[in-house]
């Protein structure tokens, strides 16, 4: 059914709930699970000191790495819970750019069959001003998108 599933994660509770679903779907279908964390760097451009930008970027990468390790731990725990299930081939990556653009680009470049992602949890003015990554992906992705609330 599915051969390659994309799970964007920011380490949030919503993303971790989506991860549970993505791991389950990957096991049931024998699909590869590609997990990405996207670092939003556009807000760093206006900062005056280059060394500050470098330090913030490194901090964001460390945070992203922790998010990816959490998913890796979840996959390992699911193997322990049910050793008879198929192994999940797991690919982890950190990318930089606009999250929705990077996710949609990854769908095209990697031949993704399904995106599973959490809701952002934004409401009201935040959503109006910033937009919703999930909403943009749902509108732009060339494959089905499963949104987990």
N, C-alpha and C. Protein backbone atom coordinates (compact mmCIF):
# COMPACT_ATOMS: atom_id res chain seq x y z
N UNK A 1 0.82 -1.19 0.00
CA UNK A 1 0.00 0.00 0.00
C UNK A 1 0.87 1.25 0.00
N UNK A 2 1.54 1.55 1.12
CA UNK A 2 2.45 2.70 1.18
C UNK A 2 3.87 2.17 1.19
N UNK A 3 4.74 2.86 0.45
CA UNK A 3 6.14 2.46 0.41
C UNK A 3 7.03 3.42 1.17
N UNK A 4 6.64 4.71 1.19
CA UNK A 4 7.48 5.72 1.84
C UNK A 4 6.59 6.75 2.52
N UNK A 5 6.74 6.85 3.83
CA UNK A 5 5.93 7.76 4.64
C UNK A 5 6.84 8.86 5.18
N UNK A 6 6.36 10.10 5.10
CA UNK A 6 7.09 11.24 5.64
C UNK A 6 6.44 11.70 6.93
N UNK A 7 7.26 11.85 7.96
CA UNK A 7 6.81 12.35 9.25
C UNK A 7 7.62 13.60 9.60
N UNK A 8 7.05 14.78 9.38
CA UNK A 8 7.73 15.99 9.85
C UNK A 8 7.52 16.12 11.35
N UNK A 9 8.57 16.49 12.09
CA UNK A 9 8.43 16.62 13.53
C UNK A 9 9.12 17.88 14.03
N UNK A 10 8.51 18.49 15.03
CA UNK A 10 9.13 19.61 15.72
C UNK A 10 9.33 19.28 17.19
N UNK A 11 9.07 18.03 17.55
CA UNK A 11 9.25 17.60 18.93
C UNK A 11 8.07 17.90 19.84
N UNK A 12 7.02 18.48 19.29
CA UNK A 12 5.86 18.84 20.10
C UNK A 12 5.01 17.62 20.43
N UNK A 13 4.08 17.81 21.34
CA UNK A 13 3.15 16.74 21.70
C UNK A 13 2.34 16.29 20.48
N UNK A 14 1.91 17.26 19.66
CA UNK A 14 1.15 16.92 18.45
C UNK A 14 1.98 16.08 17.49
N UNK A 15 3.25 16.44 17.34
CA UNK A 15 4.13 15.69 16.45
C UNK A 15 4.37 14.28 16.97
N UNK A 16 4.48 14.14 18.28
CA UNK A 16 4.71 12.81 18.85
C UNK A 16 3.47 11.92 18.72
N UNK A 17 2.28 12.50 18.79
CA UNK A 17 1.06 11.73 18.54
C UNK A 17 1.02 11.28 17.08
N UNK A 18 1.43 12.16 16.19
CA UNK A 18 1.49 11.80 14.77
C UNK A 18 2.52 10.69 14.55
N UNK A 19 3.61 10.73 15.31
CA UNK A 19 4.65 9.71 15.19
C UNK A 19 4.11 8.33 15.55
N UNK A 20 3.29 8.26 16.59
CA UNK A 20 2.69 6.97 16.96
C UNK A 20 1.91 6.39 15.80
N UNK A 21 1.12 7.23 15.14
CA UNK A 21 0.33 6.77 13.98
C UNK A 21 1.24 6.38 12.82
N UNK A 22 2.27 7.20 12.57
CA UNK A 22 3.17 6.93 11.45
C UNK A 22 3.91 5.60 11.64
N UNK A 23 4.35 5.34 12.86
CA UNK A 23 5.04 4.08 13.14
C UNK A 23 4.09 2.91 12.91
N UNK A 24 2.86 3.04 13.38
CA UNK A 24 1.87 1.97 13.20
C UNK A 24 1.60 1.72 11.71
N UNK A 25 1.38 2.79 10.96
CA UNK A 25 1.09 2.64 9.52
C UNK A 25 2.30 2.04 8.81
N UNK A 26 3.49 2.48 9.16
CA UNK A 26 4.71 1.95 8.53
C UNK A 26 4.85 0.46 8.80
N UNK A 27 4.55 0.04 10.03
CA UNK A 27 4.64 -1.39 10.36
C UNK A 27 3.60 -2.20 9.60
N UNK A 28 2.39 -1.68 9.52
CA UNK A 28 1.33 -2.42 8.85
C UNK A 28 1.58 -2.56 7.35
N UNK A 29 2.16 -1.54 6.75
CA UNK A 29 2.34 -1.55 5.31
C UNK A 29 3.75 -1.92 4.87
N UNK A 30 4.68 -2.05 5.84
CA UNK A 30 6.06 -2.35 5.48
C UNK A 30 6.77 -1.17 4.83
N UNK A 31 6.27 0.03 5.08
CA UNK A 31 6.82 1.22 4.45
C UNK A 31 8.05 1.74 5.18
N UNK A 32 8.89 2.44 4.43
CA UNK A 32 10.01 3.18 5.02
C UNK A 32 9.44 4.43 5.68
N UNK A 33 9.97 4.80 6.82
CA UNK A 33 9.54 5.99 7.53
C UNK A 33 10.66 7.02 7.48
N UNK A 34 10.41 8.13 6.80
CA UNK A 34 11.37 9.22 6.71
C UNK A 34 10.91 10.32 7.66
N UNK A 35 11.76 10.65 8.63
CA UNK A 35 11.42 11.65 9.63
C UNK A 35 12.32 12.86 9.41
N UNK A 36 11.69 14.05 9.29
CA UNK A 36 12.48 15.26 9.12
C UNK A 36 12.11 16.29 10.18
N UNK A 37 13.10 17.08 10.52
CA UNK A 37 12.90 18.26 11.36
C UNK A 37 13.37 19.43 10.51
N UNK A 38 12.52 20.44 10.39
CA UNK A 38 12.87 21.59 9.56
C UNK A 38 13.16 22.79 10.46
N UNK A 39 14.35 23.33 10.28
CA UNK A 39 14.76 24.51 11.04
C UNK A 39 14.37 25.74 10.24
N UNK A 40 13.53 26.57 10.84
CA UNK A 40 13.10 27.83 10.22
C UNK A 40 14.20 28.86 10.42
N UNK A 41 14.88 29.22 9.34
CA UNK A 41 16.02 30.13 9.46
C UNK A 41 15.74 31.54 8.97
N UNK A 42 14.58 31.78 8.38
CA UNK A 42 14.31 33.10 7.81
C UNK A 42 14.31 34.21 8.86
N UNK A 43 13.92 33.90 10.08
CA UNK A 43 13.88 34.91 11.14
C UNK A 43 15.28 35.28 11.63
N UNK A 44 16.29 34.49 11.30
CA UNK A 44 17.65 34.76 11.73
C UNK A 44 18.36 35.77 10.84
N UNK A 45 17.83 35.99 9.65
CA UNK A 45 18.51 36.82 8.66
C UNK A 45 18.76 38.23 9.15
N UNK A 46 17.83 38.81 9.89
CA UNK A 46 17.97 40.19 10.32
C UNK A 46 18.84 40.41 11.55
N UNK A 47 19.34 39.35 12.14
CA UNK A 47 20.16 39.51 13.34
C UNK A 47 21.51 40.15 12.98
N UNK A 48 21.99 41.06 13.84
CA UNK A 48 23.18 41.83 13.49
C UNK A 48 24.51 41.06 13.55
N UNK A 49 24.64 40.12 14.44
CA UNK A 49 25.93 39.46 14.63
C UNK A 49 25.93 38.06 14.02
N UNK A 50 26.90 37.81 13.15
CA UNK A 50 27.01 36.51 12.48
C UNK A 50 27.23 35.39 13.49
N UNK A 51 28.06 35.64 14.52
CA UNK A 51 28.32 34.59 15.51
C UNK A 51 27.06 34.23 16.29
N UNK A 52 26.17 35.20 16.49
CA UNK A 52 24.89 34.94 17.15
C UNK A 52 24.02 34.04 16.28
N UNK A 53 24.01 34.31 14.98
CA UNK A 53 23.24 33.49 14.04
C UNK A 53 23.75 32.06 14.07
N UNK A 54 25.06 31.88 14.07
CA UNK A 54 25.66 30.55 14.09
C UNK A 54 25.27 29.81 15.37
N UNK A 55 25.34 30.50 16.51
CA UNK A 55 24.99 29.86 17.79
C UNK A 55 23.52 29.47 17.84
N UNK A 56 22.66 30.35 17.37
CA UNK A 56 21.22 30.03 17.36
C UNK A 56 20.95 28.86 16.43
N UNK A 57 21.57 28.86 15.27
CA UNK A 57 21.39 27.75 14.31
C UNK A 57 21.83 26.43 14.94
N UNK A 58 22.95 26.45 15.65
CA UNK A 58 23.44 25.24 16.32
C UNK A 58 22.47 24.77 17.41
N UNK A 59 21.92 25.72 18.17
CA UNK A 59 20.94 25.36 19.20
C UNK A 59 19.70 24.74 18.56
N UNK A 60 19.25 25.31 17.45
CA UNK A 60 18.08 24.76 16.76
C UNK A 60 18.37 23.37 16.21
N UNK A 61 19.57 23.14 15.73
CA UNK A 61 19.95 21.81 15.23
C UNK A 61 19.97 20.80 16.37
N UNK A 62 20.49 21.21 17.53
CA UNK A 62 20.51 20.31 18.68
C UNK A 62 19.09 19.94 19.10
N UNK A 63 18.21 20.94 19.12
CA UNK A 63 16.81 20.69 19.46
C UNK A 63 16.17 19.76 18.44
N UNK A 64 16.46 19.98 17.15
CA UNK A 64 15.94 19.12 16.10
C UNK A 64 16.45 17.70 16.23
N UNK A 65 17.72 17.55 16.60
CA UNK A 65 18.31 16.22 16.78
C UNK A 65 17.62 15.47 17.92
N UNK A 66 17.28 16.20 18.98
CA UNK A 66 16.56 15.57 20.10
C UNK A 66 15.18 15.09 19.64
N UNK A 67 14.52 15.87 18.79
CA UNK A 67 13.22 15.48 18.26
C UNK A 67 13.33 14.19 17.44
N UNK A 68 14.38 14.11 16.62
CA UNK A 68 14.58 12.92 15.80
C UNK A 68 14.93 11.71 16.66
N UNK A 69 15.75 11.92 17.69
CA UNK A 69 16.10 10.82 18.59
C UNK A 69 14.87 10.29 19.32
N UNK A 70 13.94 11.17 19.67
CA UNK A 70 12.70 10.76 20.33
C UNK A 70 11.92 9.80 19.42
N UNK A 71 11.83 10.13 18.15
CA UNK A 71 11.12 9.27 17.20
C UNK A 71 11.86 7.94 17.05
N UNK A 72 13.17 7.99 16.97
CA UNK A 72 13.96 6.76 16.87
C UNK A 72 13.73 5.87 18.09
N UNK A 73 13.66 6.48 19.26
CA UNK A 73 13.38 5.73 20.49
C UNK A 73 11.97 5.12 20.45
N UNK A 74 11.01 5.86 19.89
CA UNK A 74 9.64 5.35 19.78
C UNK A 74 9.59 4.13 18.85
N UNK A 75 10.35 4.18 17.76
CA UNK A 75 10.39 3.05 16.83
C UNK A 75 11.01 1.83 17.52
N UNK A 76 12.09 2.05 18.26
CA UNK A 76 12.75 0.95 18.98
C UNK A 76 11.81 0.37 20.04
N UNK A 77 11.07 1.22 20.75
CA UNK A 77 10.14 0.74 21.77
C UNK A 77 9.00 -0.06 21.15
N UNK A 78 8.56 0.35 19.97
CA UNK A 78 7.47 -0.38 19.31
C UNK A 78 7.93 -1.77 18.88
N UNK A 79 9.20 -1.92 18.58
CA UNK A 79 9.77 -3.23 18.22
C UNK A 79 9.76 -4.15 19.44
N UNK A 80 10.08 -3.59 20.60
CA UNK A 80 10.10 -4.37 21.84
C UNK A 80 8.68 -4.81 22.21
N UNK A 81 7.71 -3.91 22.02
CA UNK A 81 6.31 -4.21 22.36
C UNK A 81 5.75 -5.35 21.52
N UNK A 82 6.14 -5.40 20.25
CA UNK A 82 5.62 -6.44 19.37
C UNK A 82 6.72 -6.93 18.45
N UNK A 83 7.57 -7.85 18.92
CA UNK A 83 8.72 -8.31 18.14
C UNK A 83 8.35 -9.06 16.86
N UNK A 84 7.09 -9.47 16.73
CA UNK A 84 6.66 -10.19 15.53
C UNK A 84 6.36 -9.24 14.36
N UNK A 85 6.19 -7.97 14.66
CA UNK A 85 5.89 -6.98 13.62
C UNK A 85 7.10 -6.77 12.71
N UNK A 86 6.84 -6.27 11.52
CA UNK A 86 7.92 -5.94 10.59
C UNK A 86 8.77 -4.81 11.15
N UNK A 87 10.08 -4.86 10.82
CA UNK A 87 10.96 -3.76 11.19
C UNK A 87 10.61 -2.54 10.35
N UNK A 88 10.81 -1.38 10.92
CA UNK A 88 10.57 -0.14 10.20
C UNK A 88 11.91 0.42 9.77
N UNK A 89 12.07 0.59 8.44
CA UNK A 89 13.28 1.24 7.94
C UNK A 89 13.11 2.72 8.22
N UNK A 90 14.06 3.28 8.96
CA UNK A 90 13.95 4.64 9.45
C UNK A 90 15.05 5.52 8.87
N UNK A 91 14.65 6.67 8.33
CA UNK A 91 15.59 7.67 7.83
C UNK A 91 15.32 8.96 8.59
N UNK A 92 16.38 9.56 9.15
CA UNK A 92 16.25 10.79 9.92
C UNK A 92 17.05 11.90 9.25
N UNK A 93 16.48 13.12 9.22
CA UNK A 93 17.17 14.22 8.56
C UNK A 93 16.75 15.56 9.15
N UNK A 94 17.68 16.49 9.20
CA UNK A 94 17.40 17.87 9.58
C UNK A 94 17.60 18.72 8.34
N UNK A 95 16.60 19.55 8.04
CA UNK A 95 16.67 20.43 6.87
C UNK A 95 16.42 21.86 7.33
N UNK A 96 16.80 22.81 6.49
CA UNK A 96 16.59 24.22 6.80
C UNK A 96 15.71 24.86 5.74
N UNK A 97 14.89 25.82 6.19
CA UNK A 97 14.04 26.57 5.27
C UNK A 97 12.65 26.77 5.83
N UNK A 98 11.74 27.13 4.96
CA UNK A 98 10.35 27.28 5.35
C UNK A 98 9.76 25.88 5.52
N UNK A 99 9.24 25.56 6.71
CA UNK A 99 8.79 24.19 6.96
C UNK A 99 7.83 23.63 5.90
N UNK A 100 6.79 24.36 5.55
CA UNK A 100 5.83 23.81 4.58
C UNK A 100 6.48 23.62 3.21
N UNK A 101 7.32 24.57 2.79
CA UNK A 101 8.00 24.44 1.49
C UNK A 101 8.94 23.24 1.48
N UNK A 102 9.70 23.06 2.55
CA UNK A 102 10.64 21.94 2.64
C UNK A 102 9.90 20.61 2.64
N UNK A 103 8.79 20.54 3.36
CA UNK A 103 8.00 19.30 3.41
C UNK A 103 7.46 18.96 2.03
N UNK A 104 6.87 19.93 1.35
CA UNK A 104 6.30 19.68 0.02
C UNK A 104 7.41 19.31 -0.98
N UNK A 105 8.55 19.97 -0.88
CA UNK A 105 9.68 19.65 -1.76
C UNK A 105 10.19 18.23 -1.50
N UNK A 106 10.24 17.84 -0.23
CA UNK A 106 10.69 16.50 0.14
C UNK A 106 9.74 15.44 -0.40
N UNK A 107 8.44 15.72 -0.36
CA UNK A 107 7.44 14.80 -0.92
C UNK A 107 7.77 14.51 -2.38
N UNK A 108 8.04 15.56 -3.14
CA UNK A 108 8.33 15.39 -4.57
C UNK A 108 9.67 14.69 -4.80
N UNK A 109 10.71 15.14 -4.11
CA UNK A 109 12.05 14.61 -4.35
C UNK A 109 12.21 13.16 -3.90
N UNK A 110 11.53 12.78 -2.83
CA UNK A 110 11.72 11.45 -2.24
C UNK A 110 10.66 10.43 -2.67
N UNK A 111 9.67 10.85 -3.45
CA UNK A 111 8.62 9.92 -3.87
C UNK A 111 7.77 9.45 -2.70
N UNK A 112 7.40 10.37 -1.84
CA UNK A 112 6.61 10.05 -0.65
C UNK A 112 5.18 9.68 -1.05
N UNK A 113 4.64 8.61 -0.43
CA UNK A 113 3.28 8.15 -0.69
C UNK A 113 2.27 8.75 0.28
N UNK A 114 2.74 9.10 1.50
CA UNK A 114 1.85 9.56 2.55
C UNK A 114 2.64 10.45 3.51
N UNK A 115 2.03 11.58 3.88
CA UNK A 115 2.60 12.44 4.93
C UNK A 115 1.71 12.28 6.15
N UNK A 116 2.32 12.06 7.30
CA UNK A 116 1.57 12.00 8.55
C UNK A 116 2.17 13.07 9.45
N UNK A 117 1.32 14.02 9.86
CA UNK A 117 1.83 15.11 10.69
C UNK A 117 0.79 15.57 11.69
N UNK A 118 1.26 16.19 12.74
CA UNK A 118 0.38 16.71 13.77
C UNK A 118 -0.11 18.10 13.42
N UNK A 119 -1.16 18.51 14.11
CA UNK A 119 -1.63 19.88 13.96
C UNK A 119 -0.67 20.78 14.72
N UNK A 120 -0.64 22.01 14.35
CA UNK A 120 0.29 22.94 15.00
C UNK A 120 -0.23 23.43 16.34
N UNK A 121 -1.53 23.38 16.53
CA UNK A 121 -2.09 23.87 17.77
C UNK A 121 -2.28 25.37 17.80
N UNK A 122 -1.99 26.05 16.68
CA UNK A 122 -2.16 27.50 16.63
C UNK A 122 -3.62 27.84 16.42
N UNK A 123 -4.03 28.93 17.01
CA UNK A 123 -5.41 29.37 16.87
C UNK A 123 -5.45 30.88 16.71
N UNK A 124 -6.52 31.37 16.20
CA UNK A 124 -6.79 32.80 16.17
C UNK A 124 -5.75 33.61 15.43
N UNK A 125 -5.26 34.68 16.09
CA UNK A 125 -4.36 35.63 15.47
C UNK A 125 -3.04 35.00 15.03
N UNK A 126 -2.47 34.11 15.85
CA UNK A 126 -1.22 33.44 15.47
C UNK A 126 -1.36 32.73 14.14
N UNK A 127 -2.45 32.02 13.98
CA UNK A 127 -2.67 31.26 12.76
C UNK A 127 -2.89 32.21 11.58
N UNK A 128 -3.62 33.30 11.83
CA UNK A 128 -3.89 34.27 10.77
C UNK A 128 -2.59 34.92 10.29
N UNK A 129 -1.74 35.31 11.23
CA UNK A 129 -0.51 36.01 10.88
C UNK A 129 0.56 35.08 10.34
N UNK A 130 0.71 33.92 10.94
CA UNK A 130 1.80 33.03 10.60
C UNK A 130 1.42 31.94 9.61
N UNK A 131 0.14 31.64 9.51
CA UNK A 131 -0.29 30.54 8.67
C UNK A 131 -0.06 29.23 9.40
N UNK A 132 -0.54 28.17 8.85
CA UNK A 132 -0.38 26.87 9.45
C UNK A 132 0.43 25.98 8.52
N UNK A 133 1.53 25.47 9.04
CA UNK A 133 2.36 24.56 8.24
C UNK A 133 1.53 23.39 7.76
N UNK A 134 0.76 22.81 8.67
CA UNK A 134 -0.07 21.65 8.32
C UNK A 134 -1.06 22.00 7.22
N UNK A 135 -1.72 23.14 7.37
CA UNK A 135 -2.69 23.56 6.36
C UNK A 135 -2.03 23.76 4.99
N UNK A 136 -0.86 24.38 4.97
CA UNK A 136 -0.15 24.58 3.71
C UNK A 136 0.26 23.26 3.07
N UNK A 137 0.69 22.31 3.88
CA UNK A 137 1.08 21.00 3.34
C UNK A 137 -0.14 20.27 2.78
N UNK A 138 -1.25 20.31 3.50
CA UNK A 138 -2.48 19.66 3.03
C UNK A 138 -2.87 20.23 1.66
N UNK A 139 -2.76 21.52 1.50
CA UNK A 139 -3.16 22.17 0.24
C UNK A 139 -2.17 21.92 -0.89
N UNK A 140 -0.89 21.72 -0.57
CA UNK A 140 0.14 21.69 -1.61
C UNK A 140 0.75 20.34 -1.92
N UNK A 141 0.64 19.39 -1.02
CA UNK A 141 1.31 18.09 -1.22
C UNK A 141 0.64 17.31 -2.35
N UNK A 142 1.47 16.58 -3.07
CA UNK A 142 0.98 15.78 -4.19
C UNK A 142 0.57 14.36 -3.76
N UNK A 143 0.54 14.11 -2.45
CA UNK A 143 0.14 12.81 -1.93
C UNK A 143 -0.83 13.03 -0.77
N UNK A 144 -1.48 11.98 -0.29
CA UNK A 144 -2.37 12.14 0.86
C UNK A 144 -1.61 12.62 2.10
N UNK A 145 -2.31 13.39 2.92
CA UNK A 145 -1.75 13.89 4.18
C UNK A 145 -2.69 13.51 5.30
N UNK A 146 -2.18 12.74 6.25
CA UNK A 146 -2.96 12.34 7.42
C UNK A 146 -2.59 13.30 8.54
N UNK A 147 -3.58 14.05 9.03
CA UNK A 147 -3.35 15.02 10.09
C UNK A 147 -3.86 14.45 11.40
N UNK A 148 -2.97 14.41 12.40
CA UNK A 148 -3.31 13.85 13.70
C UNK A 148 -3.43 14.99 14.69
N UNK A 149 -4.61 15.08 15.34
CA UNK A 149 -4.84 16.15 16.30
C UNK A 149 -4.46 15.68 17.69
